[in-house]
């Protein structure tokens, strides 16, 4: 993809990859200036929130929005973003292919826009 979307390489094993540290690696890459993280459940939002707080601190957490996207309609929350978008590795294995495709496109656009603005 080349856009910086945290997607590729995370789709191989889906749910079985939860304990491999990939969410932690994603969180460690979050910029201090703000970003959006996409997850597929409310429980995962809490997990990622706690991890951001522990690894990056409250300032980064305050500048990071965590979106729970379960379907195509939820993906509309990514429209018009101009900050980096990171997608948890378990996302694509747990939502419809249509939703994955839409999120990929919107995240690519947001990531491209954030590079031009930064």
PDB file of N, CA and C in Angstrom:
ATOM      1  N   UNK A   1       0.814  -1.195   0.000  1.00  0.00           N
ATOM      2  CA  UNK A   1       0.000   0.000   0.000  1.00  0.00           C
ATOM      3  C   UNK A   1       0.858   1.259   0.000  1.00  0.00           C
ATOM      4  N   UNK A   2       1.928   1.266   0.748  1.00  0.00           N
ATOM      5  CA  UNK A   2       2.819   2.401   0.720  1.00  0.00           C
ATOM      6  C   UNK A   2       2.317   3.642   1.428  1.00  0.00           C
ATOM      7  N   UNK A   3       1.116   3.630   1.934  1.00  0.00           N
ATOM      8  CA  UNK A   3       0.558   4.833   2.528  1.00  0.00           C
ATOM      9  C   UNK A   3       0.815   4.932   4.025  1.00  0.00           C
ATOM     10  N   UNK A   4       1.370   3.903   4.592  1.00  0.00           N
ATOM     11  CA  UNK A   4       1.585   3.915   6.027  1.00  0.00           C
ATOM     12  C   UNK A   4       0.438   3.321   6.810  1.00  0.00           C
ATOM     13  N   UNK A   5      -0.584   2.831   6.129  1.00  0.00           N
ATOM     14  CA  UNK A   5      -1.689   2.198   6.840  1.00  0.00           C
ATOM     15  C   UNK A   5      -1.154   0.922   7.469  1.00  0.00           C
ATOM     16  N   UNK A   6      -1.427   0.735   8.725  1.00  0.00           N
ATOM     17  CA  UNK A   6      -0.946  -0.452   9.406  1.00  0.00           C
ATOM     18  C   UNK A   6      -1.931  -1.585   9.110  1.00  0.00           C
ATOM     19  N   UNK A   7      -1.751  -2.221   7.973  1.00  0.00           N
ATOM     20  CA  UNK A   7      -2.644  -3.280   7.509  1.00  0.00           C
ATOM     21  C   UNK A   7      -1.837  -4.463   6.997  1.00  0.00           C
ATOM     22  N   UNK A   8      -1.019  -4.225   5.986  1.00  0.00           N
ATOM     23  CA  UNK A   8      -0.346  -5.307   5.291  1.00  0.00           C
ATOM     24  C   UNK A   8       0.528  -6.108   6.238  1.00  0.00           C
ATOM     25  N   UNK A   9       0.533  -7.396   6.051  1.00  0.00           N
ATOM     26  CA  UNK A   9       1.291  -8.279   6.898  1.00  0.00           C
ATOM     27  C   UNK A   9       0.546  -8.707   8.149  1.00  0.00           C
ATOM     28  N   UNK A  10      -0.589  -8.113   8.435  1.00  0.00           N
ATOM     29  CA  UNK A  10      -1.333  -8.445   9.641  1.00  0.00           C
ATOM     30  C   UNK A  10      -2.527  -9.331   9.336  1.00  0.00           C
ATOM     31  N   UNK A  11      -2.761  -9.673   8.098  1.00  0.00           N
ATOM     32  CA  UNK A  11      -3.963 -10.397   7.744  1.00  0.00           C
ATOM     33  C   UNK A  11      -3.734 -11.900   7.646  1.00  0.00           C
ATOM     34  N   UNK A  12      -2.516 -12.351   7.827  1.00  0.00           N
ATOM     35  CA  UNK A  12      -2.210 -13.752   7.584  1.00  0.00           C
ATOM     36  C   UNK A  12      -2.929 -14.702   8.527  1.00  0.00           C
ATOM     37  N   UNK A  13      -2.931 -14.399   9.808  1.00  0.00           N
ATOM     38  CA  UNK A  13      -3.497 -15.326  10.780  1.00  0.00           C
ATOM     39  C   UNK A  13      -4.680 -14.782  11.555  1.00  0.00           C
ATOM     40  N   UNK A  14      -5.087 -13.568  11.283  1.00  0.00           N
ATOM     41  CA  UNK A  14      -6.269 -13.013  11.925  1.00  0.00           C
ATOM     42  C   UNK A  14      -6.213 -13.030  13.434  1.00  0.00           C
ATOM     43  N   UNK A  15      -7.224 -13.633  14.049  1.00  0.00           N
ATOM     44  CA  UNK A  15      -7.366 -13.610  15.502  1.00  0.00           C
ATOM     45  C   UNK A  15      -6.193 -14.233  16.247  1.00  0.00           C
ATOM     46  N   UNK A  16      -5.519 -15.201  15.665  1.00  0.00           N
ATOM     47  CA  UNK A  16      -4.457 -15.892  16.389  1.00  0.00           C
ATOM     48  C   UNK A  16      -3.241 -15.005  16.627  1.00  0.00           C
ATOM     49  N   UNK A  17      -3.204 -13.835  16.042  1.00  0.00           N
ATOM     50  CA  UNK A  17      -2.044 -12.957  16.171  1.00  0.00           C
ATOM     51  C   UNK A  17      -2.159 -12.004  17.354  1.00  0.00           C
ATOM     52  N   UNK A  18      -3.195 -12.065  18.142  1.00  0.00           N
ATOM     53  CA  UNK A  18      -3.421 -11.119  19.232  1.00  0.00           C
ATOM     54  C   UNK A  18      -2.247 -11.058  20.195  1.00  0.00           C
ATOM     55  N   UNK A  19      -1.615 -12.164  20.513  1.00  0.00           N
ATOM     56  CA  UNK A  19      -0.575 -12.165  21.528  1.00  0.00           C
ATOM     57  C   UNK A  19       0.829 -11.965  20.964  1.00  0.00           C
ATOM     58  N   UNK A  20       0.958 -11.565  19.721  1.00  0.00           N
ATOM     59  CA  UNK A  20       2.285 -11.468  19.125  1.00  0.00           C
ATOM     60  C   UNK A  20       2.932 -10.103  19.277  1.00  0.00           C
ATOM     61  N   UNK A  21       2.267  -9.162  19.915  1.00  0.00           N
ATOM     62  CA  UNK A  21       2.869  -7.858  20.140  1.00  0.00           C
ATOM     63  C   UNK A  21       2.665  -6.867  19.016  1.00  0.00           C
ATOM     64  N   UNK A  22       1.847  -7.194  18.046  1.00  0.00           N
ATOM     65  CA  UNK A  22       1.665  -6.284  16.917  1.00  0.00           C
ATOM     66  C   UNK A  22       0.877  -5.038  17.299  1.00  0.00           C
ATOM     67  N   UNK A  23      -0.066  -5.159  18.216  1.00  0.00           N
ATOM     68  CA  UNK A  23      -0.782  -3.969  18.676  1.00  0.00           C
ATOM     69  C   UNK A  23       0.187  -3.061  19.418  1.00  0.00           C
ATOM     70  N   UNK A  24       1.046  -3.629  20.232  1.00  0.00           N
ATOM     71  CA  UNK A  24       2.055  -2.845  20.946  1.00  0.00           C
ATOM     72  C   UNK A  24       2.969  -2.125  19.965  1.00  0.00           C
ATOM     73  N   UNK A  25       3.399  -2.828  18.932  1.00  0.00           N
ATOM     74  CA  UNK A  25       4.264  -2.201  17.920  1.00  0.00           C
ATOM     75  C   UNK A  25       3.554  -1.033  17.246  1.00  0.00           C
ATOM     76  N   UNK A  26       2.266  -1.185  16.965  1.00  0.00           N
ATOM     77  CA  UNK A  26       1.489  -0.103  16.366  1.00  0.00           C
ATOM     78  C   UNK A  26       1.428   1.087  17.312  1.00  0.00           C
ATOM     79  N   UNK A  27       1.131   0.830  18.573  1.00  0.00           N
ATOM     80  CA  UNK A  27       1.015   1.909  19.559  1.00  0.00           C
ATOM     81  C   UNK A  27       2.337   2.654  19.697  1.00  0.00           C
ATOM     82  N   UNK A  28       3.429   1.945  19.662  1.00  0.00           N
ATOM     83  CA  UNK A  28       4.735   2.588  19.790  1.00  0.00           C
ATOM     84  C   UNK A  28       5.049   3.508  18.611  1.00  0.00           C
ATOM     85  N   UNK A  29       4.360   3.334  17.488  1.00  0.00           N
ATOM     86  CA  UNK A  29       4.560   4.174  16.305  1.00  0.00           C
ATOM     87  C   UNK A  29       3.655   5.402  16.268  1.00  0.00           C
ATOM     88  N   UNK A  30       2.736   5.516  17.209  1.00  0.00           N
ATOM     89  CA  UNK A  30       1.798   6.641  17.177  1.00  0.00           C
ATOM     90  C   UNK A  30       2.545   7.960  17.348  1.00  0.00           C
ATOM     91  N   UNK A  31       2.238   8.932  16.505  1.00  0.00           N
ATOM     92  CA  UNK A  31       2.906  10.225  16.619  1.00  0.00           C
ATOM     93  C   UNK A  31       2.387  11.040  17.793  1.00  0.00           C
ATOM     94  N   UNK A  32       3.246  11.866  18.344  1.00  0.00           N
ATOM     95  CA  UNK A  32       2.851  12.728  19.459  1.00  0.00           C
ATOM     96  C   UNK A  32       1.858  13.796  19.028  1.00  0.00           C
ATOM     97  N   UNK A  33       1.817  14.092  17.734  1.00  0.00           N
ATOM     98  CA  UNK A  33       0.981  15.180  17.220  1.00  0.00           C
ATOM     99  C   UNK A  33      -0.471  14.783  17.004  1.00  0.00           C
ATOM    100  N   UNK A  34      -0.786  13.496  17.141  1.00  0.00           N
ATOM    101  CA  UNK A  34      -2.163  13.052  16.991  1.00  0.00           C
ATOM    102  C   UNK A  34      -2.354  12.071  15.863  1.00  0.00           C
ATOM    103  N   UNK A  35      -3.345  11.212  16.032  1.00  0.00           N
ATOM    104  CA  UNK A  35      -3.666  10.201  15.034  1.00  0.00           C
ATOM    105  C   UNK A  35      -5.017   9.577  15.366  1.00  0.00           C
ATOM    106  N   UNK A  36      -5.438   8.669  14.500  1.00  0.00           N
ATOM    107  CA  UNK A  36      -6.650   7.885  14.716  1.00  0.00           C
ATOM    108  C   UNK A  36      -6.248   6.421  14.648  1.00  0.00           C
ATOM    109  N   UNK A  37      -6.752   5.631  15.584  1.00  0.00           N
ATOM    110  CA  UNK A  37      -6.535   4.186  15.596  1.00  0.00           C
ATOM    111  C   UNK A  37      -7.879   3.521  15.359  1.00  0.00           C
ATOM    112  N   UNK A  38      -7.912   2.567  14.437  1.00  0.00           N
ATOM    113  CA  UNK A  38      -9.138   1.842  14.109  1.00  0.00           C
ATOM    114  C   UNK A  38      -9.079   0.441  14.712  1.00  0.00           C
ATOM    115  N   UNK A  39     -10.120   0.105  15.464  1.00  0.00           N
ATOM    116  CA  UNK A  39     -10.282  -1.228  16.036  1.00  0.00           C
ATOM    117  C   UNK A  39     -11.694  -1.715  15.723  1.00  0.00           C
ATOM    118  N   UNK A  40     -11.973  -2.978  16.042  1.00  0.00           N
ATOM    119  CA  UNK A  40     -13.279  -3.536  15.673  1.00  0.00           C
ATOM    120  C   UNK A  40     -14.213  -3.818  16.848  1.00  0.00           C
ATOM    121  N   UNK A  41     -13.773  -3.630  18.101  1.00  0.00           N
ATOM    122  CA  UNK A  41     -14.661  -3.856  19.250  1.00  0.00           C
ATOM    123  C   UNK A  41     -14.421  -2.799  20.326  1.00  0.00           C
ATOM    124  N   UNK A  42     -15.419  -2.619  21.169  1.00  0.00           N
ATOM    125  CA  UNK A  42     -15.276  -1.700  22.300  1.00  0.00           C
ATOM    126  C   UNK A  42     -14.223  -2.195  23.280  1.00  0.00           C
ATOM    127  N   UNK A  43     -14.146  -3.506  23.484  1.00  0.00           N
ATOM    128  CA  UNK A  43     -13.141  -4.068  24.390  1.00  0.00           C
ATOM    129  C   UNK A  43     -11.726  -3.784  23.881  1.00  0.00           C
ATOM    130  N   UNK A  44     -11.547  -3.889  22.583  1.00  0.00           N
ATOM    131  CA  UNK A  44     -10.227  -3.606  22.012  1.00  0.00           C
ATOM    132  C   UNK A  44      -9.903  -2.117  22.121  1.00  0.00           C
ATOM    133  N   UNK A  45     -10.907  -1.259  22.011  1.00  0.00           N
ATOM    134  CA  UNK A  45     -10.680   0.177  22.200  1.00  0.00           C
ATOM    135  C   UNK A  45     -10.100   0.423  23.599  1.00  0.00           C
ATOM    136  N   UNK A  46     -10.688  -0.204  24.605  1.00  0.00           N
ATOM    137  CA  UNK A  46     -10.205  -0.048  25.974  1.00  0.00           C
ATOM    138  C   UNK A  46      -8.781  -0.583  26.116  1.00  0.00           C
ATOM    139  N   UNK A  47      -8.515  -1.728  25.530  1.00  0.00           N
ATOM    140  CA  UNK A  47      -7.186  -2.338  25.554  1.00  0.00           C
ATOM    141  C   UNK A  47      -6.151  -1.401  24.933  1.00  0.00           C
ATOM    142  N   UNK A  48      -6.461  -0.864  23.753  1.00  0.00           N
ATOM    143  CA  UNK A  48      -5.532   0.041  23.059  1.00  0.00           C
ATOM    144  C   UNK A  48      -5.384   1.338  23.841  1.00  0.00           C
ATOM    145  N   UNK A  49      -6.471   1.865  24.379  1.00  0.00           N
ATOM    146  CA  UNK A  49      -6.403   3.081  25.180  1.00  0.00           C
ATOM    147  C   UNK A  49      -5.446   2.908  26.353  1.00  0.00           C
ATOM    148  N   UNK A  50      -5.606   1.805  27.082  1.00  0.00           N
ATOM    149  CA  UNK A  50      -4.736   1.533  28.224  1.00  0.00           C
ATOM    150  C   UNK A  50      -3.280   1.368  27.802  1.00  0.00           C
ATOM    151  N   UNK A  51      -3.075   0.740  26.656  1.00  0.00           N
ATOM    152  CA  UNK A  51      -1.709   0.543  26.160  1.00  0.00           C
ATOM    153  C   UNK A  51      -1.079   1.877  25.755  1.00  0.00           C
ATOM    154  N   UNK A  52      -1.840   2.744  25.109  1.00  0.00           N
ATOM    155  CA  UNK A  52      -1.324   4.065  24.744  1.00  0.00           C
ATOM    156  C   UNK A  52      -0.934   4.830  26.002  1.00  0.00           C
ATOM    157  N   UNK A  53      -1.786   4.803  26.996  1.00  0.00           N
ATOM    158  CA  UNK A  53      -1.496   5.497  28.245  1.00  0.00           C
ATOM    159  C   UNK A  53      -0.212   4.958  28.884  1.00  0.00           C
ATOM    160  N   UNK A  54      -0.077   3.644  28.928  1.00  0.00           N
ATOM    161  CA  UNK A  54       1.091   3.027  29.564  1.00  0.00           C
ATOM    162  C   UNK A  54       2.380   3.253  28.784  1.00  0.00           C
ATOM    163  N   UNK A  55       2.315   3.174  27.465  1.00  0.00           N
ATOM    164  CA  UNK A  55       3.529   3.250  26.655  1.00  0.00           C
ATOM    165  C   UNK A  55       3.889   4.660  26.192  1.00  0.00           C
ATOM    166  N   UNK A  56       2.875   5.490  25.981  1.00  0.00           N
ATOM    167  CA  UNK A  56       3.114   6.796  25.361  1.00  0.00           C
ATOM    168  C   UNK A  56       2.768   7.970  26.262  1.00  0.00           C
ATOM    169  N   UNK A  57       1.950   7.739  27.260  1.00  0.00           N
ATOM    170  CA  UNK A  57       1.577   8.792  28.184  1.00  0.00           C
ATOM    171  C   UNK A  57       0.258   9.464  27.846  1.00  0.00           C
ATOM    172  N   UNK A  58      -0.168  10.306  28.779  1.00  0.00           N
ATOM    173  CA  UNK A  58      -1.482  10.928  28.663  1.00  0.00           C
ATOM    174  C   UNK A  58      -1.550  11.971  27.551  1.00  0.00           C
ATOM    175  N   UNK A  59      -0.438  12.624  27.234  1.00  0.00           N
ATOM    176  CA  UNK A  59      -0.475  13.626  26.162  1.00  0.00           C
ATOM    177  C   UNK A  59      -0.753  12.982  24.813  1.00  0.00           C
ATOM    178  N   UNK A  60      -0.091  11.875  24.517  1.00  0.00           N
ATOM    179  CA  UNK A  60      -0.343  11.172  23.254  1.00  0.00           C
ATOM    180  C   UNK A  60      -1.761  10.601  23.262  1.00  0.00           C
ATOM    181  N   UNK A  61      -2.180  10.043  24.381  1.00  0.00           N
ATOM    182  CA  UNK A  61      -3.540   9.525  24.470  1.00  0.00           C
ATOM    183  C   UNK A  61      -4.553  10.632  24.198  1.00  0.00           C
ATOM    184  N   UNK A  62      -4.313  11.805  24.734  1.00  0.00           N
ATOM    185  CA  UNK A  62      -5.228  12.920  24.528  1.00  0.00           C
ATOM    186  C   UNK A  62      -5.313  13.387  23.087  1.00  0.00           C
ATOM    187  N   UNK A  63      -4.282  13.096  22.312  1.00  0.00           N
ATOM    188  CA  UNK A  63      -4.262  13.503  20.900  1.00  0.00           C
ATOM    189  C   UNK A  63      -4.596  12.357  19.948  1.00  0.00           C
ATOM    190  N   UNK A  64      -4.949  11.207  20.517  1.00  0.00           N
ATOM    191  CA  UNK A  64      -5.259  10.020  19.714  1.00  0.00           C
ATOM    192  C   UNK A  64      -6.733   9.683  19.865  1.00  0.00           C
ATOM    193  N   UNK A  65      -7.401   9.522  18.737  1.00  0.00           N
ATOM    194  CA  UNK A  65      -8.809   9.119  18.726  1.00  0.00           C
ATOM    195  C   UNK A  65      -8.864   7.643  18.347  1.00  0.00           C
ATOM    196  N   UNK A  66      -9.570   6.869  19.126  1.00  0.00           N
ATOM    197  CA  UNK A  66      -9.711   5.441  18.847  1.00  0.00           C
ATOM    198  C   UNK A  66     -11.133   5.197  18.359  1.00  0.00           C
ATOM    199  N   UNK A  67     -11.249   4.770  17.122  1.00  0.00           N
ATOM    200  CA  UNK A  67     -12.555   4.545  16.492  1.00  0.00           C
ATOM    201  C   UNK A  67     -12.870   3.057  16.430  1.00  0.00           C
ATOM    202  N   UNK A  68     -14.049   2.687  16.915  1.00  0.00           N
ATOM    203  CA  UNK A  68     -14.549   1.327  16.758  1.00  0.00           C
ATOM    204  C   UNK A  68     -15.365   1.305  15.474  1.00  0.00           C
ATOM    205  N   UNK A  69     -14.896   0.546  14.516  1.00  0.00           N
ATOM    206  CA  UNK A  69     -15.586   0.430  13.225  1.00  0.00           C
ATOM    207  C   UNK A  69     -15.961  -1.031  13.033  1.00  0.00           C
ATOM    208  N   UNK A  70     -17.255  -1.266  12.983  1.00  0.00           N
ATOM    209  CA  UNK A  70     -17.768  -2.630  12.857  1.00  0.00           C
ATOM    210  C   UNK A  70     -18.394  -2.899  11.496  1.00  0.00           C
ATOM    211  N   UNK A  71     -18.751  -1.820  10.780  1.00  0.00           N
ATOM    212  CA  UNK A  71     -19.432  -2.001   9.503  1.00  0.00           C
ATOM    213  C   UNK A  71     -19.160  -0.790   8.593  1.00  0.00           C
ATOM    214  N   UNK A  72     -19.683  -0.855   7.392  1.00  0.00           N
ATOM    215  CA  UNK A  72     -19.454   0.179   6.376  1.00  0.00           C
ATOM    216  C   UNK A  72     -19.918   1.555   6.854  1.00  0.00           C
ATOM    217  N   UNK A  73     -21.050   1.623   7.494  1.00  0.00           N
ATOM    218  CA  UNK A  73     -21.571   2.916   7.961  1.00  0.00           C
ATOM    219  C   UNK A  73     -20.637   3.554   8.991  1.00  0.00           C
ATOM    220  N   UNK A  74     -20.067   2.737   9.871  1.00  0.00           N
ATOM    221  CA  UNK A  74     -19.130   3.257  10.874  1.00  0.00           C
ATOM    222  C   UNK A  74     -17.888   3.864  10.223  1.00  0.00           C
ATOM    223  N   UNK A  75     -17.512   3.340   9.073  1.00  0.00           N
ATOM    224  CA  UNK A  75     -16.297   3.807   8.391  1.00  0.00           C
ATOM    225  C   UNK A  75     -16.395   5.272   7.970  1.00  0.00           C
ATOM    226  N   UNK A  76     -17.602   5.791   7.863  1.00  0.00           N
ATOM    227  CA  UNK A  76     -17.772   7.197   7.482  1.00  0.00           C
ATOM    228  C   UNK A  76     -17.102   8.152   8.470  1.00  0.00           C
ATOM    229  N   UNK A  77     -16.829   7.672   9.679  1.00  0.00           N
ATOM    230  CA  UNK A  77     -16.149   8.522  10.671  1.00  0.00           C
ATOM    231  C   UNK A  77     -14.724   8.864  10.270  1.00  0.00           C
ATOM    232  N   UNK A  78     -14.207   8.191   9.257  1.00  0.00           N
ATOM    233  CA  UNK A  78     -12.846   8.456   8.792  1.00  0.00           C
ATOM    234  C   UNK A  78     -12.803   9.487   7.664  1.00  0.00           C
ATOM    235  N   UNK A  79     -13.957   9.924   7.193  1.00  0.00           N
ATOM    236  CA  UNK A  79     -14.007  10.891   6.092  1.00  0.00           C
ATOM    237  C   UNK A  79     -13.358  12.216   6.486  1.00  0.00           C
ATOM    238  N   UNK A  80     -12.538  12.731   5.609  1.00  0.00           N
ATOM    239  CA  UNK A  80     -11.973  14.064   5.781  1.00  0.00           C
ATOM    240  C   UNK A  80     -10.846  14.180   6.785  1.00  0.00           C
ATOM    241  N   UNK A  81     -10.338  13.066   7.284  1.00  0.00           N
ATOM    242  CA  UNK A  81      -9.248  13.146   8.251  1.00  0.00           C
ATOM    243  C   UNK A  81      -7.957  13.626   7.587  1.00  0.00           C
ATOM    244  N   UNK A  82      -7.146  14.342   8.356  1.00  0.00           N
ATOM    245  CA  UNK A  82      -5.840  14.801   7.892  1.00  0.00           C
ATOM    246  C   UNK A  82      -4.768  14.472   8.921  1.00  0.00           C
ATOM    247  N   UNK A  83      -4.993  13.380   9.629  1.00  0.00           N
ATOM    248  CA  UNK A  83      -4.013  12.866  10.589  1.00  0.00           C
ATOM    249  C   UNK A  83      -3.720  11.413  10.226  1.00  0.00           C
ATOM    250  N   UNK A  84      -2.586  10.897  10.669  1.00  0.00           N
ATOM    251  CA  UNK A  84      -2.284   9.491  10.371  1.00  0.00           C
ATOM    252  C   UNK A  84      -3.347   8.558  10.951  1.00  0.00           C
ATOM    253  N   UNK A  85      -3.658   7.523  10.179  1.00  0.00           N
ATOM    254  CA  UNK A  85      -4.627   6.514  10.598  1.00  0.00           C
ATOM    255  C   UNK A  85      -3.899   5.175  10.702  1.00  0.00           C
ATOM    256  N   UNK A  86      -4.047   4.539  11.854  1.00  0.00           N
ATOM    257  CA  UNK A  86      -3.462   3.229  12.109  1.00  0.00           C
ATOM    258  C   UNK A  86      -4.597   2.247  12.326  1.00  0.00           C
ATOM    259  N   UNK A  87      -4.471   1.064  11.729  1.00  0.00           N
ATOM    260  CA  UNK A  87      -5.526   0.053  11.825  1.00  0.00           C
ATOM    261  C   UNK A  87      -4.954  -1.164  12.542  1.00  0.00           C
ATOM    262  N   UNK A  88      -5.606  -1.567  13.634  1.00  0.00           N
ATOM    263  CA  UNK A  88      -5.142  -2.733  14.385  1.00  0.00           C
ATOM    264  C   UNK A  88      -5.131  -3.965  13.488  1.00  0.00           C
ATOM    265  N   UNK A  89      -4.148  -4.821  13.703  1.00  0.00           N
ATOM    266  CA  UNK A  89      -3.962  -5.991  12.842  1.00  0.00           C
ATOM    267  C   UNK A  89      -5.139  -6.958  12.849  1.00  0.00           C
ATOM    268  N   UNK A  90      -5.925  -6.998  13.906  1.00  0.00           N
ATOM    269  CA  UNK A  90      -7.047  -7.939  13.966  1.00  0.00           C
ATOM    270  C   UNK A  90      -8.286  -7.424  13.230  1.00  0.00           C
ATOM    271  N   UNK A  91      -8.270  -6.184  12.827  1.00  0.00           N
ATOM    272  CA  UNK A  91      -9.442  -5.570  12.207  1.00  0.00           C
ATOM    273  C   UNK A  91      -9.927  -6.338  10.988  1.00  0.00           C
ATOM    274  N   UNK A  92      -9.032  -6.598  10.050  1.00  0.00           N
ATOM    275  CA  UNK A  92      -9.458  -7.184   8.773  1.00  0.00           C
ATOM    276  C   UNK A  92     -10.009  -8.597   8.897  1.00  0.00           C
ATOM    277  N   UNK A  93      -9.647  -9.300   9.955  1.00  0.00           N
ATOM    278  CA  UNK A  93     -10.162 -10.660  10.143  1.00  0.00           C
ATOM    279  C   UNK A  93     -11.517 -10.683  10.832  1.00  0.00           C
ATOM    280  N   UNK A  94     -11.987  -9.515  11.279  1.00  0.00           N
ATOM    281  CA  UNK A  94     -13.189  -9.493  12.101  1.00  0.00           C
ATOM    282  C   UNK A  94     -14.321  -8.614  11.588  1.00  0.00           C
ATOM    283  N   UNK A  95     -14.148  -8.003  10.435  1.00  0.00           N
ATOM    284  CA  UNK A  95     -15.220  -7.223   9.816  1.00  0.00           C
ATOM    285  C   UNK A  95     -15.365  -7.683   8.368  1.00  0.00           C
ATOM    286  N   UNK A  96     -16.408  -7.221   7.709  1.00  0.00           N
ATOM    287  CA  UNK A  96     -16.662  -7.660   6.335  1.00  0.00           C
ATOM    288  C   UNK A  96     -15.580  -7.158   5.384  1.00  0.00           C
ATOM    289  N   UNK A  97     -15.364  -7.889   4.296  1.00  0.00           N
ATOM    290  CA  UNK A  97     -14.398  -7.437   3.294  1.00  0.00           C
ATOM    291  C   UNK A  97     -14.732  -6.042   2.745  1.00  0.00           C
ATOM    292  N   UNK A  98     -16.025  -5.741   2.601  1.00  0.00           N
ATOM    293  CA  UNK A  98     -16.426  -4.413   2.133  1.00  0.00           C
ATOM    294  C   UNK A  98     -15.948  -3.338   3.107  1.00  0.00           C
ATOM    295  N   UNK A  99     -16.134  -3.568   4.387  1.00  0.00           N
ATOM    296  CA  UNK A  99     -15.703  -2.604   5.393  1.00  0.00           C
ATOM    297  C   UNK A  99     -14.191  -2.453   5.379  1.00  0.00           C
ATOM    298  N   UNK A 100     -13.480  -3.562   5.272  1.00  0.00           N
ATOM    299  CA  UNK A 100     -12.016  -3.509   5.194  1.00  0.00           C
ATOM    300  C   UNK A 100     -11.592  -2.654   4.007  1.00  0.00           C
ATOM    301  N   UNK A 101     -12.208  -2.865   2.854  1.00  0.00           N
ATOM    302  CA  UNK A 101     -11.852  -2.104   1.651  1.00  0.00           C
ATOM    303  C   UNK A 101     -12.092  -0.617   1.807  1.00  0.00           C
ATOM    304  N   UNK A 102     -13.223  -0.258   2.377  1.00  0.00           N
ATOM    305  CA  UNK A 102     -13.547   1.155   2.577  1.00  0.00           C
ATOM    306  C   UNK A 102     -12.581   1.787   3.569  1.00  0.00           C
ATOM    307  N   UNK A 103     -12.282   1.100   4.657  1.00  0.00           N
ATOM    308  CA  UNK A 103     -11.348   1.631   5.648  1.00  0.00           C
ATOM    309  C   UNK A 103      -9.959   1.796   5.041  1.00  0.00           C
ATOM    310  N   UNK A 104      -9.538   0.848   4.224  1.00  0.00           N
ATOM    311  CA  UNK A 104      -8.237   0.973   3.544  1.00  0.00           C
ATOM    312  C   UNK A 104      -8.185   2.256   2.716  1.00  0.00           C
ATOM    313  N   UNK A 105      -9.219   2.468   1.918  1.00  0.00           N
ATOM    314  CA  UNK A 105      -9.242   3.656   1.055  1.00  0.00           C
ATOM    315  C   UNK A 105      -9.238   4.950   1.861  1.00  0.00           C
ATOM    316  N   UNK A 106     -10.057   5.006   2.889  1.00  0.00           N
ATOM    317  CA  UNK A 106     -10.135   6.222   3.705  1.00  0.00           C
ATOM    318  C   UNK A 106      -8.850   6.450   4.489  1.00  0.00           C
ATOM    319  N   UNK A 107      -8.265   5.381   5.002  1.00  0.00           N
ATOM    320  CA  UNK A 107      -7.006   5.506   5.740  1.00  0.00           C
ATOM    321  C   UNK A 107      -5.881   5.942   4.803  1.00  0.00           C
ATOM    322  N   UNK A 108      -5.845   5.376   3.605  1.00  0.00           N
ATOM    323  CA  UNK A 108      -4.836   5.810   2.625  1.00  0.00           C
ATOM    324  C   UNK A 108      -4.967   7.295   2.332  1.00  0.00           C
ATOM    325  N   UNK A 109      -6.196   7.756   2.135  1.00  0.00           N
ATOM    326  CA  UNK A 109      -6.422   9.180   1.860  1.00  0.00           C
ATOM    327  C   UNK A 109      -6.000  10.050   3.025  1.00  0.00           C
ATOM    328  N   UNK A 110      -6.364   9.659   4.233  1.00  0.00           N
ATOM    329  CA  UNK A 110      -5.989  10.434   5.404  1.00  0.00           C
ATOM    330  C   UNK A 110      -4.482  10.457   5.595  1.00  0.00           C
ATOM    331  N   UNK A 111      -3.835   9.329   5.375  1.00  0.00           N
ATOM    332  CA  UNK A 111      -2.393   9.285   5.536  1.00  0.00           C
ATOM    333  C   UNK A 111      -1.680  10.140   4.480  1.00  0.00           C
ATOM    334  N   UNK A 112      -2.180  10.117   3.278  1.00  0.00           N
ATOM    335  CA  UNK A 112      -1.602  10.971   2.233  1.00  0.00           C
ATOM    336  C   UNK A 112      -1.802  12.452   2.581  1.00  0.00           C
ATOM    337  N   UNK A 113      -2.987  12.803   3.051  1.00  0.00           N
ATOM    338  CA  UNK A 113      -3.268  14.184   3.424  1.00  0.00           C
ATOM    339  C   UNK A 113      -2.413  14.625   4.608  1.00  0.00           C
ATOM    340  N   UNK A 114      -2.202  13.738   5.564  1.00  0.00           N
ATOM    341  CA  UNK A 114      -1.411  14.106   6.744  1.00  0.00           C
ATOM    342  C   UNK A 114       0.049  14.347   6.379  1.00  0.00           C
ATOM    343  N   UNK A 115       0.559  13.629   5.401  1.00  0.00           N
ATOM    344  CA  UNK A 115       1.957  13.853   4.954  1.00  0.00           C
ATOM    345  C   UNK A 115       2.082  15.193   4.245  1.00  0.00           C
ATOM    346  N   UNK A 116       1.063  15.568   3.480  1.00  0.00           N
ATOM    347  CA  UNK A 116       1.107  16.856   2.773  1.00  0.00           C
ATOM    348  C   UNK A 116       0.996  18.029   3.726  1.00  0.00           C
ATOM    349  N   UNK A 117       0.256  17.828   4.822  1.00  0.00           N
ATOM    350  CA  UNK A 117       0.054  18.916   5.791  1.00  0.00           C
ATOM    351  C   UNK A 117       1.229  19.039   6.752  1.00  0.00           C
ATOM    352  N   UNK A 118       1.942  17.954   6.938  1.00  0.00           N
ATOM    353  CA  UNK A 118       3.010  17.953   7.942  1.00  0.00           C
ATOM    354  C   UNK A 118       4.293  18.295   7.384  1.00  0.00           C
TER     355      UNK A 118
END
